[in-house]
Amino acid sequence: MKLVLETKNINKHFYKPKDFHVIKDISFKVGQGEFASIMGKSGCGKSTLLYILSTMDTDYTGELYLNGELITGKPQQDLSRIRNKHIGFVFQFHYLLSEFSVLENVMLPAKKLADKSHAEIEQDAMEKLRMLHIDHLAQQKASRISGGEKQRVAIARALINNPSILMGDEPTGNLDSHNSENVFSIFKRLKEEEGLSLLVVTHDEDFAKRTDRIIEMEDGRILR
């Protein structure tokens, strides 16, 4: 199995107000097409770990590999490009720009990457919206659509650059059970049809139980 993500002995400390060892010697792997979830009590370090894995936090020791390449220690400019190209991120809050249309929101990360023409990006964005059954909302202002629809737009935006891995921080945390189910089905379909790797931090046990693997965290460590 091809490895998409691997960590070796990741440690992180917060030094203020006093030394707190928040991530303790974490090593694990995520293979291509694997759908893994991270669970654990509040404050166990799940989100902190996810920010390290997504290259947003570089203040740690240990090694992080993406698609077999060592990412740790690369300059911010390189990390920004790697993050934009290879990592899709879905948060608990969708962070859409409310004055922009749905289509414009989805196009943003691809415009930032600037690997394709505007027309190609627009075509890709429409394709992602179709895949998530929200292409009819393309010209709507992001502020005018429902919470469940916003989260689907956020997923489309995370997929626009065809990332190697999709990471989620409580992506269903703000949704009712119907919309949570929708998000789970989308993730499962991405894994099965697109071979996408997914790593999702969640409190939702029903959600986690249906993923390929649960990574359990406690006090900054992985239990299993």
N, C-alpha and C. Protein backbone atom coordinates (compact mmCIF):
# COMPACT_ATOMS: atom_id res chain seq x y z
N MET A 1 0.84 -1.20 0.00
CA MET A 1 0.00 0.00 0.00
C MET A 1 0.88 1.25 0.00
N LYS A 2 0.55 2.17 -0.91
CA LYS A 2 1.31 3.42 -1.00
C LYS A 2 0.97 4.29 0.22
N LEU A 3 2.01 4.82 0.87
CA LEU A 3 1.78 5.69 2.02
C LEU A 3 1.61 7.13 1.54
N VAL A 4 0.56 7.77 2.03
CA VAL A 4 0.34 9.18 1.70
C VAL A 4 0.90 10.06 2.81
N LEU A 5 0.70 9.60 4.05
CA LEU A 5 1.13 10.40 5.20
C LEU A 5 1.84 9.50 6.20
N GLU A 6 2.96 9.98 6.74
CA GLU A 6 3.64 9.22 7.78
C GLU A 6 4.28 10.18 8.78
N THR A 7 4.15 9.85 10.06
CA THR A 7 4.84 10.64 11.08
C THR A 7 5.80 9.73 11.84
N LYS A 8 6.93 10.30 12.22
CA LYS A 8 7.90 9.56 13.03
C LYS A 8 8.25 10.39 14.27
N ASN A 9 7.87 9.87 15.42
CA ASN A 9 8.25 10.47 16.72
C ASN A 9 7.97 11.97 16.81
N ILE A 10 6.73 12.34 16.51
CA ILE A 10 6.35 13.76 16.60
C ILE A 10 6.10 14.15 18.06
N ASN A 11 6.76 15.21 18.49
CA ASN A 11 6.57 15.76 19.83
C ASN A 11 6.32 17.26 19.72
N LYS A 12 5.47 17.76 20.59
CA LYS A 12 5.25 19.21 20.62
C LYS A 12 5.04 19.65 22.06
N HIS A 13 5.64 20.80 22.38
CA HIS A 13 5.46 21.42 23.70
C HIS A 13 4.83 22.80 23.53
N PHE A 14 3.96 23.16 24.47
CA PHE A 14 3.58 24.56 24.64
C PHE A 14 4.40 25.06 25.82
N TYR A 15 5.05 26.21 25.70
CA TYR A 15 5.93 26.67 26.78
C TYR A 15 5.32 27.75 27.65
N LYS A 16 4.15 28.26 27.26
CA LYS A 16 3.50 29.29 28.07
C LYS A 16 2.12 28.82 28.49
N PRO A 17 1.66 29.08 29.68
CA PRO A 17 2.37 29.75 30.78
C PRO A 17 3.47 28.87 31.39
N LYS A 18 3.33 27.53 31.23
CA LYS A 18 4.44 26.67 31.69
C LYS A 18 4.58 25.53 30.69
N ASP A 19 5.67 24.79 30.78
CA ASP A 19 5.94 23.72 29.82
C ASP A 19 4.84 22.65 29.85
N PHE A 20 4.19 22.45 28.70
CA PHE A 20 3.15 21.43 28.59
C PHE A 20 3.46 20.57 27.37
N HIS A 21 3.71 19.30 27.61
CA HIS A 21 4.06 18.36 26.53
C HIS A 21 2.75 17.86 25.91
N VAL A 22 2.33 18.49 24.82
CA VAL A 22 0.97 18.26 24.31
C VAL A 22 0.89 17.07 23.34
N ILE A 23 1.94 16.86 22.54
CA ILE A 23 1.99 15.71 21.62
C ILE A 23 3.22 14.88 21.98
N LYS A 24 2.98 13.58 22.28
CA LYS A 24 4.06 12.76 22.83
C LYS A 24 4.42 11.59 21.91
N ASP A 25 5.51 11.76 21.19
CA ASP A 25 6.12 10.66 20.46
C ASP A 25 5.14 9.92 19.54
N ILE A 26 4.51 10.67 18.65
CA ILE A 26 3.47 10.07 17.80
C ILE A 26 4.04 9.60 16.46
N SER A 27 3.84 8.32 16.20
CA SER A 27 4.23 7.72 14.91
C SER A 27 3.04 6.93 14.37
N PHE A 28 2.61 7.27 13.15
CA PHE A 28 1.59 6.45 12.49
C PHE A 28 1.60 6.74 10.99
N LYS A 29 0.82 5.95 10.25
CA LYS A 29 0.81 6.05 8.79
C LYS A 29 -0.62 6.05 8.28
N VAL A 30 -0.82 6.75 7.17
CA VAL A 30 -2.11 6.68 6.47
C VAL A 30 -1.81 6.29 5.03
N GLY A 31 -2.43 5.21 4.59
CA GLY A 31 -2.19 4.72 3.23
C GLY A 31 -3.14 5.35 2.22
N GLN A 32 -2.83 5.18 0.96
CA GLN A 32 -3.69 5.72 -0.09
C GLN A 32 -5.06 5.05 -0.03
N GLY A 33 -6.11 5.85 -0.11
CA GLY A 33 -7.46 5.31 -0.09
C GLY A 33 -7.93 4.86 1.28
N GLU A 34 -7.18 5.23 2.32
CA GLU A 34 -7.59 4.85 3.68
C GLU A 34 -8.39 5.99 4.31
N PHE A 35 -9.43 5.62 5.04
CA PHE A 35 -10.30 6.59 5.71
C PHE A 35 -10.13 6.35 7.21
N ALA A 36 -9.33 7.21 7.85
CA ALA A 36 -9.03 7.03 9.28
C ALA A 36 -9.64 8.17 10.08
N SER A 37 -10.05 7.86 11.31
CA SER A 37 -10.56 8.92 12.19
C SER A 37 -9.72 8.97 13.46
N ILE A 38 -9.62 10.16 14.02
CA ILE A 38 -8.88 10.36 15.28
C ILE A 38 -9.90 10.73 16.35
N MET A 39 -9.91 9.95 17.42
CA MET A 39 -10.85 10.21 18.52
C MET A 39 -10.10 10.39 19.84
N GLY A 40 -10.75 11.03 20.79
CA GLY A 40 -10.17 11.23 22.11
C GLY A 40 -10.87 12.37 22.80
N LYS A 41 -10.73 12.42 24.10
CA LYS A 41 -11.40 13.48 24.89
C LYS A 41 -10.89 14.86 24.48
N SER A 42 -11.68 15.87 24.78
CA SER A 42 -11.26 17.25 24.54
C SER A 42 -9.94 17.50 25.26
N GLY A 43 -9.01 18.19 24.58
CA GLY A 43 -7.74 18.52 25.22
C GLY A 43 -6.68 17.44 25.12
N CYS A 44 -6.98 16.34 24.40
CA CYS A 44 -5.98 15.25 24.32
C CYS A 44 -4.94 15.52 23.23
N GLY A 45 -5.15 16.59 22.45
CA GLY A 45 -4.14 16.93 21.43
C GLY A 45 -4.54 16.64 20.00
N LYS A 46 -5.79 16.22 19.77
CA LYS A 46 -6.23 15.84 18.41
C LYS A 46 -6.06 16.97 17.39
N SER A 47 -6.62 18.13 17.74
CA SER A 47 -6.57 19.24 16.77
C SER A 47 -5.14 19.76 16.61
N THR A 48 -4.39 19.77 17.72
CA THR A 48 -2.99 20.20 17.65
C THR A 48 -2.22 19.30 16.69
N LEU A 49 -2.46 17.99 16.80
CA LEU A 49 -1.80 17.02 15.91
C LEU A 49 -2.19 17.30 14.46
N LEU A 50 -3.48 17.55 14.23
CA LEU A 50 -3.96 17.77 12.86
C LEU A 50 -3.30 19.00 12.25
N TYR A 51 -3.11 20.05 13.04
CA TYR A 51 -2.46 21.26 12.52
C TYR A 51 -0.99 21.00 12.17
N ILE A 52 -0.35 20.10 12.91
CA ILE A 52 1.03 19.71 12.55
C ILE A 52 1.01 18.92 11.24
N LEU A 53 0.09 17.96 11.15
CA LEU A 53 0.01 17.10 9.97
C LEU A 53 -0.31 17.89 8.71
N SER A 54 -1.09 18.98 8.89
CA SER A 54 -1.49 19.77 7.73
C SER A 54 -0.45 20.83 7.38
N THR A 55 0.70 20.80 8.07
CA THR A 55 1.84 21.71 7.87
C THR A 55 1.56 23.15 8.32
N MET A 56 0.42 23.39 8.97
CA MET A 56 0.11 24.75 9.43
C MET A 56 0.92 25.09 10.68
N ASP A 57 1.26 24.07 11.46
CA ASP A 57 2.08 24.27 12.66
C ASP A 57 3.42 23.58 12.43
N THR A 58 4.51 24.35 12.48
CA THR A 58 5.83 23.76 12.20
C THR A 58 6.70 23.69 13.46
N ASP A 59 6.11 24.05 14.58
CA ASP A 59 6.87 24.11 15.84
C ASP A 59 6.79 22.77 16.58
N TYR A 60 7.50 21.77 16.07
CA TYR A 60 7.48 20.43 16.68
C TYR A 60 8.81 19.74 16.39
N THR A 61 9.04 18.62 17.06
CA THR A 61 10.21 17.80 16.70
C THR A 61 9.69 16.48 16.15
N GLY A 62 10.55 15.78 15.42
CA GLY A 62 10.13 14.56 14.76
C GLY A 62 10.05 14.79 13.26
N GLU A 63 9.50 13.83 12.52
CA GLU A 63 9.49 13.92 11.06
C GLU A 63 8.09 13.69 10.51
N LEU A 64 7.74 14.51 9.53
CA LEU A 64 6.46 14.38 8.82
C LEU A 64 6.75 14.15 7.34
N TYR A 65 6.16 13.09 6.80
CA TYR A 65 6.34 12.74 5.38
C TYR A 65 5.00 12.81 4.67
N LEU A 66 5.01 13.37 3.46
CA LEU A 66 3.82 13.41 2.61
C LEU A 66 4.20 12.81 1.27
N ASN A 67 3.48 11.77 0.87
CA ASN A 67 3.81 11.06 -0.37
C ASN A 67 5.28 10.65 -0.41
N GLY A 68 5.79 10.22 0.75
CA GLY A 68 7.17 9.72 0.82
C GLY A 68 8.24 10.79 0.91
N GLU A 69 7.82 12.05 0.89
CA GLU A 69 8.80 13.15 0.93
C GLU A 69 8.81 13.78 2.32
N LEU A 70 10.01 14.03 2.84
CA LEU A 70 10.14 14.68 4.15
C LEU A 70 9.72 16.15 4.03
N ILE A 71 8.71 16.51 4.81
CA ILE A 71 8.15 17.87 4.75
C ILE A 71 8.75 18.74 5.86
N THR A 72 9.10 18.11 6.98
CA THR A 72 9.64 18.82 8.14
C THR A 72 10.86 19.66 7.74
N GLY A 73 10.86 20.91 8.18
CA GLY A 73 12.03 21.75 7.95
C GLY A 73 12.02 22.53 6.64
N LYS A 74 11.01 22.32 5.82
CA LYS A 74 10.95 23.08 4.56
C LYS A 74 10.55 24.53 4.83
N PRO A 75 10.98 25.46 3.98
CA PRO A 75 10.61 26.87 4.19
C PRO A 75 9.10 27.09 4.04
N GLN A 76 8.59 28.14 4.70
CA GLN A 76 7.14 28.43 4.71
C GLN A 76 6.54 28.52 3.31
N GLN A 77 7.29 29.12 2.41
CA GLN A 77 6.78 29.30 1.04
C GLN A 77 6.51 27.94 0.38
N ASP A 78 7.43 27.00 0.58
CA ASP A 78 7.26 25.64 0.03
C ASP A 78 6.08 24.95 0.71
N LEU A 79 6.00 25.11 2.03
CA LEU A 79 4.92 24.46 2.78
C LEU A 79 3.56 24.97 2.32
N SER A 80 3.48 26.26 2.08
CA SER A 80 2.22 26.85 1.64
C SER A 80 1.76 26.21 0.33
N ARG A 81 2.71 26.01 -0.57
CA ARG A 81 2.37 25.41 -1.87
C ARG A 81 2.00 23.92 -1.70
N ILE A 82 2.77 23.22 -0.88
CA ILE A 82 2.50 21.79 -0.63
C ILE A 82 1.10 21.62 -0.03
N ARG A 83 0.82 22.49 0.94
CA ARG A 83 -0.48 22.44 1.64
C ARG A 83 -1.62 22.69 0.66
N ASN A 84 -1.44 23.69 -0.18
CA ASN A 84 -2.50 24.05 -1.11
C ASN A 84 -2.72 22.97 -2.17
N LYS A 85 -1.63 22.33 -2.58
CA LYS A 85 -1.72 21.35 -3.66
C LYS A 85 -2.11 19.95 -3.17
N HIS A 86 -1.57 19.54 -2.03
CA HIS A 86 -1.70 18.14 -1.62
C HIS A 86 -2.65 17.86 -0.46
N ILE A 87 -3.04 18.93 0.29
CA ILE A 87 -3.86 18.71 1.47
C ILE A 87 -5.15 19.51 1.36
N GLY A 88 -6.27 18.79 1.36
CA GLY A 88 -7.57 19.47 1.43
C GLY A 88 -7.95 19.54 2.91
N PHE A 89 -8.55 20.65 3.33
CA PHE A 89 -8.88 20.79 4.75
C PHE A 89 -10.32 21.21 4.92
N VAL A 90 -11.06 20.48 5.76
CA VAL A 90 -12.45 20.84 6.05
C VAL A 90 -12.57 21.05 7.56
N PHE A 91 -13.00 22.24 7.94
CA PHE A 91 -13.12 22.60 9.36
C PHE A 91 -14.55 22.38 9.85
N GLN A 92 -14.71 22.55 11.15
CA GLN A 92 -16.07 22.49 11.72
C GLN A 92 -16.90 23.66 11.19
N PHE A 93 -16.27 24.83 11.06
CA PHE A 93 -16.93 25.98 10.48
C PHE A 93 -16.43 26.10 9.05
N HIS A 94 -17.32 26.40 8.14
CA HIS A 94 -16.99 26.29 6.71
C HIS A 94 -16.05 27.38 6.21
N TYR A 95 -15.97 28.52 6.89
CA TYR A 95 -15.09 29.63 6.47
C TYR A 95 -15.26 30.02 5.00
N LEU A 96 -16.49 30.10 4.55
CA LEU A 96 -16.74 30.57 3.18
C LEU A 96 -16.77 32.10 3.21
N LEU A 97 -16.42 32.70 2.09
CA LEU A 97 -16.52 34.15 1.97
C LEU A 97 -17.96 34.47 1.56
N SER A 98 -18.70 35.08 2.47
CA SER A 98 -20.15 35.18 2.28
C SER A 98 -20.55 36.06 1.09
N GLU A 99 -19.71 37.02 0.72
CA GLU A 99 -20.06 37.90 -0.40
C GLU A 99 -19.74 37.28 -1.76
N PHE A 100 -18.97 36.21 -1.73
CA PHE A 100 -18.61 35.52 -2.98
C PHE A 100 -19.68 34.50 -3.32
N SER A 101 -19.78 34.15 -4.59
CA SER A 101 -20.69 33.07 -4.98
C SER A 101 -20.09 31.74 -4.56
N VAL A 102 -20.92 30.71 -4.55
CA VAL A 102 -20.48 29.35 -4.25
C VAL A 102 -19.33 28.95 -5.18
N LEU A 103 -19.52 29.22 -6.47
CA LEU A 103 -18.50 28.86 -7.46
C LEU A 103 -17.17 29.57 -7.18
N GLU A 104 -17.24 30.86 -6.87
CA GLU A 104 -16.01 31.63 -6.59
C GLU A 104 -15.29 31.09 -5.35
N ASN A 105 -16.06 30.72 -4.34
CA ASN A 105 -15.46 30.15 -3.13
C ASN A 105 -14.69 28.87 -3.44
N VAL A 106 -15.28 28.03 -4.27
CA VAL A 106 -14.64 26.74 -4.60
C VAL A 106 -13.37 26.96 -5.43
N MET A 107 -13.39 27.99 -6.27
CA MET A 107 -12.25 28.26 -7.16
C MET A 107 -11.02 28.83 -6.44
N LEU A 108 -11.23 29.45 -5.28
CA LEU A 108 -10.16 30.21 -4.62
C LEU A 108 -8.82 29.48 -4.46
N PRO A 109 -8.79 28.25 -3.87
CA PRO A 109 -7.48 27.60 -3.68
C PRO A 109 -6.76 27.31 -5.01
N ALA A 110 -7.54 27.05 -6.08
CA ALA A 110 -6.92 26.77 -7.38
C ALA A 110 -6.37 28.04 -8.00
N LYS A 111 -7.06 29.15 -7.75
CA LYS A 111 -6.54 30.44 -8.26
C LYS A 111 -5.24 30.79 -7.55
N LYS A 112 -5.19 30.46 -6.25
CA LYS A 112 -3.98 30.74 -5.47
C LYS A 112 -2.81 29.88 -5.98
N LEU A 113 -3.10 28.63 -6.33
CA LEU A 113 -2.06 27.72 -6.82
C LEU A 113 -1.58 28.16 -8.20
N ALA A 114 -2.53 28.65 -9.01
CA ALA A 114 -2.23 29.23 -10.33
C ALA A 114 -1.54 28.25 -11.29
N ASP A 115 -1.95 26.98 -11.24
CA ASP A 115 -1.40 26.00 -12.18
C ASP A 115 -2.25 25.89 -13.44
N LYS A 116 -3.46 26.44 -13.39
CA LYS A 116 -4.39 26.29 -14.51
C LYS A 116 -4.98 27.64 -14.90
N SER A 117 -5.58 27.67 -16.08
CA SER A 117 -6.23 28.90 -16.54
C SER A 117 -7.54 29.09 -15.78
N HIS A 118 -8.06 30.31 -15.81
CA HIS A 118 -9.31 30.63 -15.13
C HIS A 118 -10.44 29.72 -15.63
N ALA A 119 -10.49 29.52 -16.94
CA ALA A 119 -11.56 28.69 -17.53
C ALA A 119 -11.46 27.24 -17.04
N GLU A 120 -10.24 26.73 -16.97
CA GLU A 120 -10.05 25.35 -16.49
C GLU A 120 -10.45 25.21 -15.02
N ILE A 121 -10.08 26.23 -14.23
CA ILE A 121 -10.43 26.21 -12.81
C ILE A 121 -11.94 26.23 -12.63
N GLU A 122 -12.59 27.07 -13.42
CA GLU A 122 -14.05 27.17 -13.33
C GLU A 122 -14.70 25.84 -13.70
N GLN A 123 -14.17 25.20 -14.72
CA GLN A 123 -14.68 23.89 -15.16
C GLN A 123 -14.48 22.84 -14.05
N ASP A 124 -13.29 22.83 -13.45
CA ASP A 124 -13.01 21.89 -12.34
C ASP A 124 -13.95 22.13 -11.16
N ALA A 125 -14.17 23.41 -10.85
CA ALA A 125 -15.03 23.76 -9.72
C ALA A 125 -16.45 23.29 -9.97
N MET A 126 -16.95 23.49 -11.17
CA MET A 126 -18.31 23.02 -11.51
C MET A 126 -18.41 21.50 -11.40
N GLU A 127 -17.33 20.84 -11.81
CA GLU A 127 -17.31 19.37 -11.74
C GLU A 127 -17.39 18.90 -10.27
N LYS A 128 -16.66 19.59 -9.39
CA LYS A 128 -16.70 19.23 -7.95
C LYS A 128 -18.10 19.49 -7.38
N LEU A 129 -18.71 20.61 -7.78
CA LEU A 129 -20.05 20.94 -7.30
C LEU A 129 -21.07 19.90 -7.80
N ARG A 130 -20.89 19.47 -9.05
CA ARG A 130 -21.78 18.42 -9.60
C ARG A 130 -21.63 17.12 -8.81
N MET A 131 -20.37 16.78 -8.52
CA MET A 131 -20.08 15.55 -7.80
C MET A 131 -20.78 15.54 -6.43
N LEU A 132 -20.92 16.73 -5.84
CA LEU A 132 -21.54 16.84 -4.51
C LEU A 132 -23.01 17.28 -4.60
N HIS A 133 -23.54 17.25 -5.84
CA HIS A 133 -24.96 17.55 -6.09
C HIS A 133 -25.37 18.95 -5.63
N ILE A 134 -24.48 19.91 -5.81
CA ILE A 134 -24.84 21.30 -5.46
C ILE A 134 -24.49 22.25 -6.61
N ASP A 135 -24.36 21.71 -7.83
CA ASP A 135 -24.01 22.57 -8.96
C ASP A 135 -25.10 23.62 -9.24
N HIS A 136 -26.35 23.32 -8.83
CA HIS A 136 -27.44 24.29 -9.04
C HIS A 136 -27.26 25.54 -8.16
N LEU A 137 -26.35 25.46 -7.18
CA LEU A 137 -26.13 26.61 -6.28
C LEU A 137 -24.95 27.47 -6.72
N ALA A 138 -24.32 27.12 -7.83
CA ALA A 138 -23.05 27.74 -8.23
C ALA A 138 -23.06 29.27 -8.17
N GLN A 139 -24.12 29.89 -8.63
CA GLN A 139 -24.15 31.36 -8.70
C GLN A 139 -24.75 32.01 -7.46
N GLN A 140 -25.21 31.22 -6.50
CA GLN A 140 -25.76 31.77 -5.26
C GLN A 140 -24.66 32.38 -4.41
N LYS A 141 -24.98 33.44 -3.70
CA LYS A 141 -24.05 33.97 -2.70
C LYS A 141 -23.92 32.94 -1.58
N ALA A 142 -22.71 32.76 -1.07
CA ALA A 142 -22.49 31.76 -0.02
C ALA A 142 -23.33 32.04 1.23
N SER A 143 -23.65 33.31 1.43
CA SER A 143 -24.44 33.68 2.62
C SER A 143 -25.90 33.22 2.52
N ARG A 144 -26.33 32.84 1.31
CA ARG A 144 -27.76 32.56 1.09
C ARG A 144 -28.11 31.08 1.14
N ILE A 145 -27.13 30.22 1.40
CA ILE A 145 -27.43 28.77 1.36
C ILE A 145 -27.43 28.18 2.78
N SER A 146 -27.97 26.96 2.90
CA SER A 146 -28.13 26.36 4.24
C SER A 146 -26.80 25.85 4.80
N GLY A 147 -26.81 25.53 6.11
CA GLY A 147 -25.60 25.03 6.78
C GLY A 147 -25.05 23.77 6.15
N GLY A 148 -25.92 22.83 5.83
CA GLY A 148 -25.48 21.57 5.20
C GLY A 148 -24.88 21.82 3.83
N GLU A 149 -25.50 22.76 3.08
CA GLU A 149 -24.98 23.11 1.76
C GLU A 149 -23.62 23.79 1.87
N LYS A 150 -23.48 24.66 2.88
CA LYS A 150 -22.20 25.35 3.08
C LYS A 150 -21.08 24.34 3.32
N GLN A 151 -21.36 23.33 4.12
CA GLN A 151 -20.32 22.35 4.40
C GLN A 151 -19.94 21.58 3.14
N ARG A 152 -20.93 21.33 2.27
CA ARG A 152 -20.61 20.65 1.00
C ARG A 152 -19.78 21.55 0.08
N VAL A 153 -20.06 22.84 0.12
CA VAL A 153 -19.25 23.79 -0.66
C VAL A 153 -17.82 23.78 -0.11
N ALA A 154 -17.69 23.73 1.22
CA ALA A 154 -16.35 23.70 1.84
C ALA A 154 -15.60 22.42 1.43
N ILE A 155 -16.32 21.32 1.28
CA ILE A 155 -15.68 20.07 0.84
C ILE A 155 -15.24 20.21 -0.63
N ALA A 156 -16.12 20.78 -1.46
CA ALA A 156 -15.76 21.00 -2.88
C ALA A 156 -14.51 21.86 -2.98
N ARG A 157 -14.46 22.90 -2.14
CA ARG A 157 -13.29 23.81 -2.14
C ARG A 157 -12.02 23.04 -1.73
N ALA A 158 -12.15 22.14 -0.75
CA ALA A 158 -11.00 21.36 -0.28
C ALA A 158 -10.52 20.38 -1.35
N LEU A 159 -11.40 20.04 -2.29
CA LEU A 159 -11.05 19.04 -3.32
C LEU A 159 -10.56 19.66 -4.63
N ILE A 160 -10.64 20.98 -4.75
CA ILE A 160 -10.43 21.62 -6.06
C ILE A 160 -9.06 21.34 -6.65
N ASN A 161 -8.03 21.20 -5.82
CA ASN A 161 -6.69 20.94 -6.37
C ASN A 161 -6.34 19.45 -6.40
N ASN A 162 -7.39 18.60 -6.27
CA ASN A 162 -7.19 17.14 -6.26
C ASN A 162 -6.09 16.72 -5.28
N PRO A 163 -6.31 16.98 -3.99
CA PRO A 163 -5.27 16.70 -2.99
C PRO A 163 -4.99 15.21 -2.82
N SER A 164 -3.86 14.90 -2.19
CA SER A 164 -3.52 13.51 -1.87
C SER A 164 -4.30 13.04 -0.66
N ILE A 165 -4.61 13.99 0.24
CA ILE A 165 -5.30 13.63 1.48
C ILE A 165 -6.27 14.75 1.87
N LEU A 166 -7.41 14.33 2.38
CA LEU A 166 -8.39 15.30 2.90
C LEU A 166 -8.39 15.18 4.41
N MET A 167 -8.16 16.30 5.09
CA MET A 167 -8.16 16.30 6.56
C MET A 167 -9.39 17.07 7.04
N GLY A 168 -9.99 16.59 8.10
CA GLY A 168 -11.16 17.26 8.64
C GLY A 168 -11.04 17.43 10.14
N ASP A 169 -11.37 18.64 10.63
CA ASP A 169 -11.39 18.89 12.07
C ASP A 169 -12.85 19.06 12.48
N GLU A 170 -13.45 18.00 13.02
CA GLU A 170 -14.87 18.00 13.41
C GLU A 170 -15.76 18.48 12.26
N PRO A 171 -15.63 17.89 11.05
CA PRO A 171 -16.38 18.42 9.91
C PRO A 171 -17.90 18.28 10.04
N THR A 172 -18.36 17.41 10.97
CA THR A 172 -19.82 17.27 11.16
C THR A 172 -20.26 17.88 12.49
N GLY A 173 -19.32 18.53 13.19
CA GLY A 173 -19.59 19.04 14.54
C GLY A 173 -20.72 20.05 14.62
N ASN A 174 -20.99 20.73 13.52
CA ASN A 174 -22.03 21.77 13.53
C ASN A 174 -23.30 21.36 12.80
N LEU A 175 -23.36 20.08 12.39
CA LEU A 175 -24.45 19.65 11.53
C LEU A 175 -25.43 18.73 12.25
N ASP A 176 -26.67 18.74 11.80
CA ASP A 176 -27.66 17.78 12.34
C ASP A 176 -27.38 16.40 11.76
N SER A 177 -28.13 15.40 12.23
CA SER A 177 -27.78 14.01 11.86
C SER A 177 -27.94 13.77 10.36
N HIS A 178 -28.92 14.40 9.73
CA HIS A 178 -29.13 14.21 8.29
C HIS A 178 -27.93 14.72 7.50
N ASN A 179 -27.49 15.93 7.84
CA ASN A 179 -26.34 16.51 7.13
C ASN A 179 -25.03 15.83 7.48
N SER A 180 -24.91 15.34 8.72
CA SER A 180 -23.71 14.57 9.10
C SER A 180 -23.61 13.31 8.26
N GLU A 181 -24.76 12.67 8.07
CA GLU A 181 -24.83 11.45 7.26
C GLU A 181 -24.40 11.75 5.82
N ASN A 182 -24.86 12.91 5.32
CA ASN A 182 -24.48 13.35 3.98
C ASN A 182 -22.98 13.48 3.83
N VAL A 183 -22.35 14.14 4.82
CA VAL A 183 -20.91 14.37 4.78
C VAL A 183 -20.18 13.02 4.83
N PHE A 184 -20.65 12.12 5.70
CA PHE A 184 -20.01 10.80 5.78
C PHE A 184 -20.08 10.08 4.44
N SER A 185 -21.25 10.11 3.81
CA SER A 185 -21.43 9.43 2.51
C SER A 185 -20.50 10.01 1.45
N ILE A 186 -20.35 11.34 1.48
CA ILE A 186 -19.45 11.99 0.52
C ILE A 186 -18.02 11.50 0.74
N PHE A 187 -17.58 11.50 2.00
CA PHE A 187 -16.22 11.06 2.32
C PHE A 187 -16.00 9.61 1.87
N LYS A 188 -16.99 8.77 2.16
CA LYS A 188 -16.86 7.34 1.81
C LYS A 188 -16.76 7.16 0.29
N ARG A 189 -17.56 7.96 -0.41
CA ARG A 189 -17.54 7.88 -1.87
C ARG A 189 -16.19 8.35 -2.42
N LEU A 190 -15.63 9.40 -1.83
CA LEU A 190 -14.33 9.91 -2.27
C LEU A 190 -13.25 8.85 -2.08
N LYS A 191 -13.34 8.13 -0.99
CA LYS A 191 -12.38 7.05 -0.72
C LYS A 191 -12.54 5.93 -1.76
N GLU A 192 -13.80 5.52 -1.96
CA GLU A 192 -14.04 4.35 -2.81
C GLU A 192 -13.88 4.65 -4.30
N GLU A 193 -14.36 5.82 -4.73
CA GLU A 193 -14.36 6.10 -6.17
C GLU A 193 -13.11 6.86 -6.62
N GLU A 194 -12.57 7.70 -5.74
CA GLU A 194 -11.43 8.54 -6.14
C GLU A 194 -10.12 8.03 -5.54
N GLY A 195 -10.20 7.05 -4.62
CA GLY A 195 -8.99 6.55 -3.95
C GLY A 195 -8.35 7.58 -3.04
N LEU A 196 -9.18 8.52 -2.53
CA LEU A 196 -8.65 9.59 -1.69
C LEU A 196 -8.40 9.08 -0.27
N SER A 197 -7.32 9.56 0.34
CA SER A 197 -7.06 9.27 1.76
C SER A 197 -7.76 10.33 2.59
N LEU A 198 -8.34 9.91 3.72
CA LEU A 198 -9.02 10.87 4.60
C LEU A 198 -8.59 10.66 6.03
N LEU A 199 -8.39 11.77 6.73
CA LEU A 199 -8.03 11.72 8.15
C LEU A 199 -8.90 12.76 8.87
N VAL A 200 -9.79 12.26 9.72
CA VAL A 200 -10.82 13.13 10.29
C VAL A 200 -10.82 13.07 11.82
N VAL A 201 -10.65 14.22 12.45
CA VAL A 201 -10.82 14.33 13.90
C VAL A 201 -12.31 14.46 14.18
N THR A 202 -12.84 13.60 15.04
CA THR A 202 -14.28 13.67 15.32
C THR A 202 -14.60 13.26 16.76
N HIS A 203 -15.72 13.80 17.27
CA HIS A 203 -16.25 13.36 18.56
C HIS A 203 -17.38 12.36 18.33
N ASP A 204 -17.79 12.25 17.06
CA ASP A 204 -18.97 11.46 16.72
C ASP A 204 -18.60 9.98 16.58
N GLU A 205 -19.00 9.21 17.60
CA GLU A 205 -18.60 7.80 17.63
C GLU A 205 -19.19 7.00 16.47
N ASP A 206 -20.44 7.31 16.10
CA ASP A 206 -21.08 6.60 14.99
C ASP A 206 -20.31 6.84 13.70
N PHE A 207 -19.86 8.06 13.52
CA PHE A 207 -19.08 8.44 12.34
C PHE A 207 -17.77 7.64 12.35
N ALA A 208 -17.06 7.69 13.48
CA ALA A 208 -15.74 7.05 13.58
C ALA A 208 -15.81 5.54 13.38
N LYS A 209 -16.85 4.92 13.93
CA LYS A 209 -16.99 3.46 13.85
C LYS A 209 -17.08 2.95 12.42
N ARG A 210 -17.55 3.83 11.53
CA ARG A 210 -17.73 3.40 10.13
C ARG A 210 -16.53 3.73 9.25
N THR A 211 -15.50 4.34 9.86
CA THR A 211 -14.27 4.58 9.08
C THR A 211 -13.41 3.31 9.11
N ASP A 212 -12.38 3.26 8.29
CA ASP A 212 -11.54 2.05 8.21
C ASP A 212 -10.79 1.80 9.51
N ARG A 213 -10.45 2.87 10.21
CA ARG A 213 -9.60 2.73 11.39
C ARG A 213 -9.79 3.91 12.32
N ILE A 214 -9.85 3.61 13.62
CA ILE A 214 -9.93 4.68 14.62
C ILE A 214 -8.56 4.79 15.29
N ILE A 215 -8.00 6.00 15.26
CA ILE A 215 -6.75 6.27 15.97
C ILE A 215 -7.15 6.93 17.28
N GLU A 216 -6.95 6.23 18.39
CA GLU A 216 -7.40 6.77 19.67
C GLU A 216 -6.29 7.51 20.37
N MET A 217 -6.61 8.72 20.82
CA MET A 217 -5.61 9.53 21.52
C MET A 217 -5.99 9.77 22.97
N GLU A 218 -5.00 9.81 23.81
CA GLU A 218 -5.20 10.17 25.21
C GLU A 218 -3.95 10.85 25.72
N ASP A 219 -4.12 12.01 26.34
CA ASP A 219 -2.99 12.77 26.91
C ASP A 219 -1.81 12.89 25.94
N GLY A 220 -2.11 13.21 24.69
CA GLY A 220 -1.04 13.46 23.72
C GLY A 220 -0.41 12.25 23.09
N ARG A 221 -0.90 11.06 23.48
CA ARG A 221 -0.34 9.83 22.90
C ARG A 221 -1.40 9.10 22.07
N ILE A 222 -0.92 8.24 21.18
CA ILE A 222 -1.82 7.35 20.47
C ILE A 222 -1.91 6.04 21.25
N LEU A 223 -3.13 5.65 21.59
CA LEU A 223 -3.31 4.40 22.33
C LEU A 223 -3.28 3.21 21.39
N ARG A 224 -3.99 3.37 20.24
CA ARG A 224 -3.97 2.26 19.27
C ARG A 224 -4.30 2.80 17.89
